[in-house]
Amino acid sequence: TTPARRYIATGMVGALLGGSLISSYFDWWQGADRKFHTSDDGMFNNYSLGIDKAGHAYTSYFYFHTFHNVMRWGGYDERTARWWAFGTAAFFAVSIEVGDGLSDFGFSFGDLGFNMAGLGYGLAQTYVPFLRNFNLKWSYVPQEGYRWPPRFTEHYDAHIYWLTVNVHNLLPDDARPWWPEFLQLAVGYGVDEKQTRREGFIGLDLNLRVFRPTQPDLRLLVQTVDLFHIPMPGIKTTGGRSPRYQWIVWN
């Protein structure tokens, strides 16, 4: 690994962290002028039926693994990459809540708690290989199409947060040939278009880690894409309605 690669990796982490904070300012805090205050927005019975809480958990999980993967790509040793990724992701989570505390939203201990839960699980996966069989993923497919800049909090119905299960790895050795290594099961959580009913999903997921590229750039690309759920067949349930099979679960 060349020193230049380390500098690039450090710059990528700094750019993602700084860019995310700048984006948060313009999206949520610009023009806010309030004394620091807290918010009691409930947990899974709040305005978004808990999708925002799932989003906080996934966001910290995503940032931890992204920072960790980028630093490993840059040649940092595992211990350094792990703890710098943890520190920067935690800094981002706390900064977001402090910014909210100075705006109309208010500081939410619930949001921060879910951030720390997602971050803690990502960290635990680097210590306990068995936990890598259960991963968090996210899909986002707005009904009116993607826009730039995205307004994630205005389209909670487009979010699905997934827990994927690597069935192949969990099977006994003699049963593994019967289950494709690239195919996983997944359970998801979302809300309907009016954010008045919860939605549950059971479906399939692609395990992109089966490619195991040795080239560092391709490995980083696979690791990053694998943090997202690629739409696949599944069953969707909405509160008060019968389960529906969908060839492709979009939202």
Protein backbone atom coordinates (compact mmCIF):
# COMPACT_ATOMS: atom_id res chain seq x y z
CA THR A 1 0.00 0.00 0.00
CA THR A 2 1.37 3.38 -0.99
CA PRO A 3 1.20 6.47 1.28
CA ALA A 4 -0.87 8.13 -1.44
CA ARG A 5 -3.61 5.53 -1.02
CA ARG A 6 -3.75 6.28 2.71
CA TYR A 7 -4.07 9.99 2.03
CA ILE A 8 -6.84 9.32 -0.48
CA ALA A 9 -8.70 7.08 1.99
CA THR A 10 -8.42 9.68 4.74
CA GLY A 11 -9.65 12.36 2.35
CA MET A 12 -12.60 10.18 1.27
CA VAL A 13 -13.68 9.68 4.88
CA GLY A 14 -13.31 13.39 5.62
CA ALA A 15 -15.20 14.37 2.46
CA LEU A 16 -18.10 12.02 3.22
CA LEU A 17 -18.30 13.19 6.82
CA GLY A 18 -18.01 16.88 5.96
CA GLY A 19 -20.34 16.64 2.98
CA SER A 20 -22.98 14.88 5.07
CA LEU A 21 -22.85 17.58 7.75
CA ILE A 22 -23.03 20.38 5.17
CA SER A 23 -25.97 18.67 3.46
CA SER A 24 -27.71 18.31 6.83
CA TYR A 25 -27.29 22.01 7.50
CA PHE A 26 -28.92 23.07 4.23
CA ASP A 27 -31.62 20.40 4.42
CA TRP A 28 -32.72 20.90 8.05
CA TRP A 29 -30.98 23.59 10.05
CA GLN A 30 -30.47 26.60 7.79
CA GLY A 31 -32.11 29.66 9.28
CA ALA A 32 -32.87 27.95 12.59
CA ASP A 33 -32.29 30.15 15.63
CA ARG A 34 -33.44 28.40 18.77
CA LYS A 35 -31.99 27.61 22.14
CA PHE A 36 -30.94 24.02 22.62
CA HIS A 37 -33.95 21.86 23.46
CA THR A 38 -34.99 18.23 23.44
CA SER A 39 -37.79 16.49 21.60
CA ASP A 40 -40.14 13.72 22.72
CA ASP A 41 -41.10 12.31 19.34
CA GLY A 42 -42.00 8.86 20.59
CA MET A 43 -40.41 5.64 19.46
CA PHE A 44 -42.17 3.29 17.02
CA ASN A 45 -45.51 5.07 17.49
CA ASN A 46 -44.31 8.46 16.31
CA TYR A 47 -45.14 10.48 13.19
CA SER A 48 -43.38 8.01 10.85
CA LEU A 49 -44.32 4.82 12.71
CA GLY A 50 -40.67 4.28 13.56
CA ILE A 51 -39.21 4.43 10.05
CA ASP A 52 -37.08 7.38 11.17
CA LYS A 53 -35.70 5.31 14.05
CA ALA A 54 -34.83 2.42 11.73
CA GLY A 55 -33.17 5.00 9.49
CA HIS A 56 -31.01 6.30 12.33
CA ALA A 57 -29.84 2.77 13.16
CA TYR A 58 -29.05 1.98 9.54
CA THR A 59 -27.31 5.31 8.91
CA SER A 60 -24.77 4.76 11.67
CA TYR A 61 -24.33 1.14 10.59
CA PHE A 62 -23.76 2.32 7.01
CA TYR A 63 -21.27 5.03 7.95
CA PHE A 64 -19.31 2.70 10.22
CA HIS A 65 -18.90 0.01 7.57
CA THR A 66 -18.22 2.52 4.80
CA PHE A 67 -15.54 4.34 6.81
CA HIS A 68 -14.06 1.02 7.93
CA ASN A 69 -13.97 -0.40 4.39
CA VAL A 70 -12.45 2.77 2.93
CA MET A 71 -9.70 2.87 5.54
CA ARG A 72 -8.91 -0.81 5.03
CA TRP A 73 -8.77 -0.10 1.29
CA GLY A 74 -6.30 2.67 2.08
CA GLY A 75 -3.98 0.28 3.89
CA TYR A 76 -4.78 1.06 7.52
CA ASP A 77 -4.50 -1.88 9.88
CA GLU A 78 -7.72 -3.44 11.21
CA ARG A 79 -7.56 -1.90 14.69
CA THR A 80 -6.96 1.62 13.37
CA ALA A 81 -9.66 1.34 10.71
CA ARG A 82 -12.16 -0.11 13.19
CA TRP A 83 -11.82 2.56 15.86
CA TRP A 84 -11.48 5.52 13.53
CA ALA A 85 -14.61 4.34 11.74
CA PHE A 86 -16.39 4.02 15.08
CA GLY A 87 -15.26 7.48 16.22
CA THR A 88 -16.16 9.30 13.02
CA ALA A 89 -19.57 7.60 12.74
CA ALA A 90 -20.31 8.40 16.40
CA PHE A 91 -19.21 12.01 15.86
CA PHE A 92 -21.60 12.31 12.93
CA ALA A 93 -24.51 10.86 14.91
CA VAL A 94 -23.96 13.19 17.86
CA SER A 95 -23.46 16.20 15.55
CA ILE A 96 -26.78 15.53 13.83
CA GLU A 97 -28.63 15.44 17.15
CA VAL A 98 -26.91 18.57 18.42
CA GLY A 99 -27.89 20.33 15.20
CA ASP A 100 -31.46 19.14 15.66
CA GLY A 101 -31.34 20.40 19.24
CA LEU A 102 -30.64 23.91 17.97
CA SER A 103 -33.40 23.74 15.35
CA ASP A 104 -37.14 23.19 15.35
CA PHE A 105 -36.68 19.41 15.52
CA GLY A 106 -35.08 19.18 18.95
CA PHE A 107 -32.47 16.79 20.34
CA SER A 108 -33.88 13.25 20.45
CA PHE A 109 -32.43 10.73 22.87
CA GLY A 110 -34.39 8.06 20.99
CA ASP A 111 -32.74 8.95 17.68
CA LEU A 112 -29.29 8.94 19.27
CA GLY A 113 -30.02 5.62 20.95
CA PHE A 114 -30.90 3.99 17.63
CA ASN A 115 -27.80 5.53 16.07
CA MET A 116 -25.66 3.98 18.77
CA ALA A 117 -27.44 0.62 18.39
CA GLY A 118 -26.70 0.50 14.65
CA LEU A 119 -23.14 1.65 15.23
CA GLY A 120 -22.62 -0.88 18.01
CA TYR A 121 -23.90 -3.73 15.87
CA GLY A 122 -21.59 -2.77 13.02
CA LEU A 123 -18.65 -2.72 15.43
CA ALA A 124 -19.66 -6.07 16.92
CA GLN A 125 -19.62 -7.63 13.45
CA THR A 126 -15.90 -6.86 13.15
CA TYR A 127 -15.27 -8.86 16.34
CA VAL A 128 -17.79 -11.70 16.00
CA PRO A 129 -17.75 -13.32 12.53
CA PHE A 130 -21.03 -15.16 13.19
CA LEU A 131 -22.87 -11.82 13.26
CA ARG A 132 -21.84 -11.18 9.66
CA ASN A 133 -24.51 -13.67 8.67
CA PHE A 134 -27.11 -11.05 9.68
CA ASN A 135 -26.72 -7.69 7.93
CA LEU A 136 -28.67 -4.46 7.72
CA LYS A 137 -29.55 -3.13 4.28
CA TRP A 138 -31.68 -0.36 2.84
CA SER A 139 -33.73 0.18 -0.30
CA TYR A 140 -35.19 3.52 -1.40
CA VAL A 141 -37.50 3.71 -4.43
CA PRO A 142 -39.70 6.85 -4.53
CA GLN A 143 -42.93 6.35 -6.48
CA GLU A 144 -42.40 9.60 -8.40
CA GLY A 145 -38.80 8.73 -9.22
CA TYR A 146 -35.43 9.85 -7.91
CA ARG A 147 -34.66 13.54 -7.58
CA TRP A 148 -31.57 15.57 -6.79
CA PRO A 149 -31.01 16.60 -4.13
CA PRO A 150 -32.90 13.73 -2.49
CA ARG A 151 -35.37 14.48 0.29
CA PHE A 152 -35.30 11.27 2.23
CA THR A 153 -37.43 12.48 5.14
CA GLU A 154 -40.22 13.60 2.81
CA HIS A 155 -40.66 10.12 1.34
CA TYR A 156 -40.69 7.68 4.23
CA ASP A 157 -43.01 5.43 2.23
CA ALA A 158 -40.12 4.85 -0.19
CA HIS A 159 -37.85 3.43 2.54
CA ILE A 160 -37.53 -0.24 3.41
CA TYR A 161 -35.04 -1.32 6.06
CA TRP A 162 -33.95 -4.94 5.80
CA LEU A 163 -32.31 -7.58 7.95
CA THR A 164 -30.72 -10.16 5.67
CA VAL A 165 -29.86 -13.73 6.64
CA ASN A 166 -27.05 -15.70 5.03
CA VAL A 167 -28.84 -19.04 4.92
CA HIS A 168 -25.99 -20.83 3.13
CA ASN A 169 -23.53 -20.15 5.95
CA LEU A 170 -26.01 -21.18 8.64
CA LEU A 171 -26.81 -24.58 7.15
CA PRO A 172 -24.92 -27.73 8.17
CA ASP A 173 -22.02 -28.55 5.85
CA ASP A 174 -23.83 -31.40 4.13
CA ALA A 175 -26.86 -29.18 3.39
CA ARG A 176 -25.03 -26.17 2.01
CA PRO A 177 -24.89 -27.42 -1.60
CA TRP A 178 -28.69 -27.26 -1.65
CA TRP A 179 -28.82 -23.52 -1.00
CA PRO A 180 -27.09 -21.05 -3.40
CA GLU A 181 -24.38 -19.03 -1.70
CA PHE A 182 -25.42 -15.86 -3.52
CA LEU A 183 -29.04 -16.00 -2.31
CA GLN A 184 -30.18 -14.79 1.10
CA LEU A 185 -33.46 -14.34 2.93
CA ALA A 186 -34.51 -10.90 4.10
CA VAL A 187 -37.18 -9.37 6.30
CA GLY A 188 -38.04 -5.70 5.86
CA TYR A 189 -39.94 -2.90 7.54
CA GLY A 190 -41.68 0.07 5.92
CA VAL A 191 -44.82 2.23 5.95
CA ASP A 192 -47.56 2.92 3.41
CA GLU A 193 -47.78 6.06 1.28
CA LYS A 194 -49.75 7.97 3.94
CA GLN A 195 -47.54 6.81 6.82
CA THR A 196 -50.61 5.50 8.62
CA ARG A 197 -49.98 1.76 8.36
CA ARG A 198 -46.90 -0.36 8.92
CA GLU A 199 -45.68 -2.70 6.21
CA GLY A 200 -43.69 -5.89 6.56
CA PHE A 201 -41.73 -7.73 3.91
CA ILE A 202 -40.28 -11.20 3.49
CA GLY A 203 -38.17 -11.70 0.43
CA LEU A 204 -34.91 -12.64 -1.20
CA ASP A 205 -31.63 -10.79 -1.19
CA LEU A 206 -28.43 -10.99 -3.22
CA ASN A 207 -25.21 -11.68 -1.34
CA LEU A 208 -22.63 -9.83 -3.42
CA ARG A 209 -19.78 -10.86 -1.13
CA VAL A 210 -19.63 -14.21 -2.94
CA PHE A 211 -17.54 -12.51 -5.64
CA ARG A 212 -14.59 -12.01 -3.24
CA PRO A 213 -12.49 -9.88 -5.60
CA THR A 214 -8.81 -9.66 -4.72
CA GLN A 215 -8.34 -6.29 -6.42
CA PRO A 216 -8.80 -3.62 -3.68
CA ASP A 217 -10.87 -1.22 -5.80
CA LEU A 218 -13.34 -3.91 -6.84
CA ARG A 219 -13.52 -5.24 -3.29
CA LEU A 220 -14.42 -1.80 -1.96
CA LEU A 221 -17.07 -1.42 -4.68
CA VAL A 222 -18.66 -4.79 -3.81
CA GLN A 223 -18.58 -3.99 -0.08
CA THR A 224 -20.30 -0.65 -0.67
CA VAL A 225 -23.02 -1.90 -3.03
CA ASP A 226 -23.73 -4.81 -0.68
CA LEU A 227 -24.91 -2.35 1.98
CA PHE A 228 -28.02 -1.79 -0.16
CA HIS A 229 -30.86 -4.17 -0.91
CA ILE A 230 -31.35 -4.78 -4.61
CA PRO A 231 -35.10 -5.20 -5.32
CA MET A 232 -36.02 -8.89 -5.47
CA PRO A 233 -39.18 -11.04 -5.26
CA GLY A 234 -41.00 -11.07 -1.96
CA ILE A 235 -44.22 -10.93 0.03
CA LYS A 236 -45.59 -7.60 1.26
CA THR A 237 -48.01 -7.17 4.14
CA THR A 238 -49.77 -3.94 5.02
CA GLY A 239 -51.77 -3.47 8.21
CA GLY A 240 -55.38 -4.44 7.58
CA ARG A 241 -54.71 -6.06 4.20
CA SER A 242 -53.93 -9.58 3.02
CA PRO A 243 -50.31 -10.45 2.16
CA ARG A 244 -49.41 -9.84 -1.50
CA TYR A 245 -46.71 -11.58 -3.51
CA GLN A 246 -44.66 -9.27 -5.72
CA TRP A 247 -42.26 -10.35 -8.43
CA ILE A 248 -40.14 -7.34 -7.49
CA VAL A 249 -40.56 -5.51 -4.19
CA TRP A 250 -39.95 -1.83 -4.90
CA ASN A 251 -41.57 -0.05 -1.92
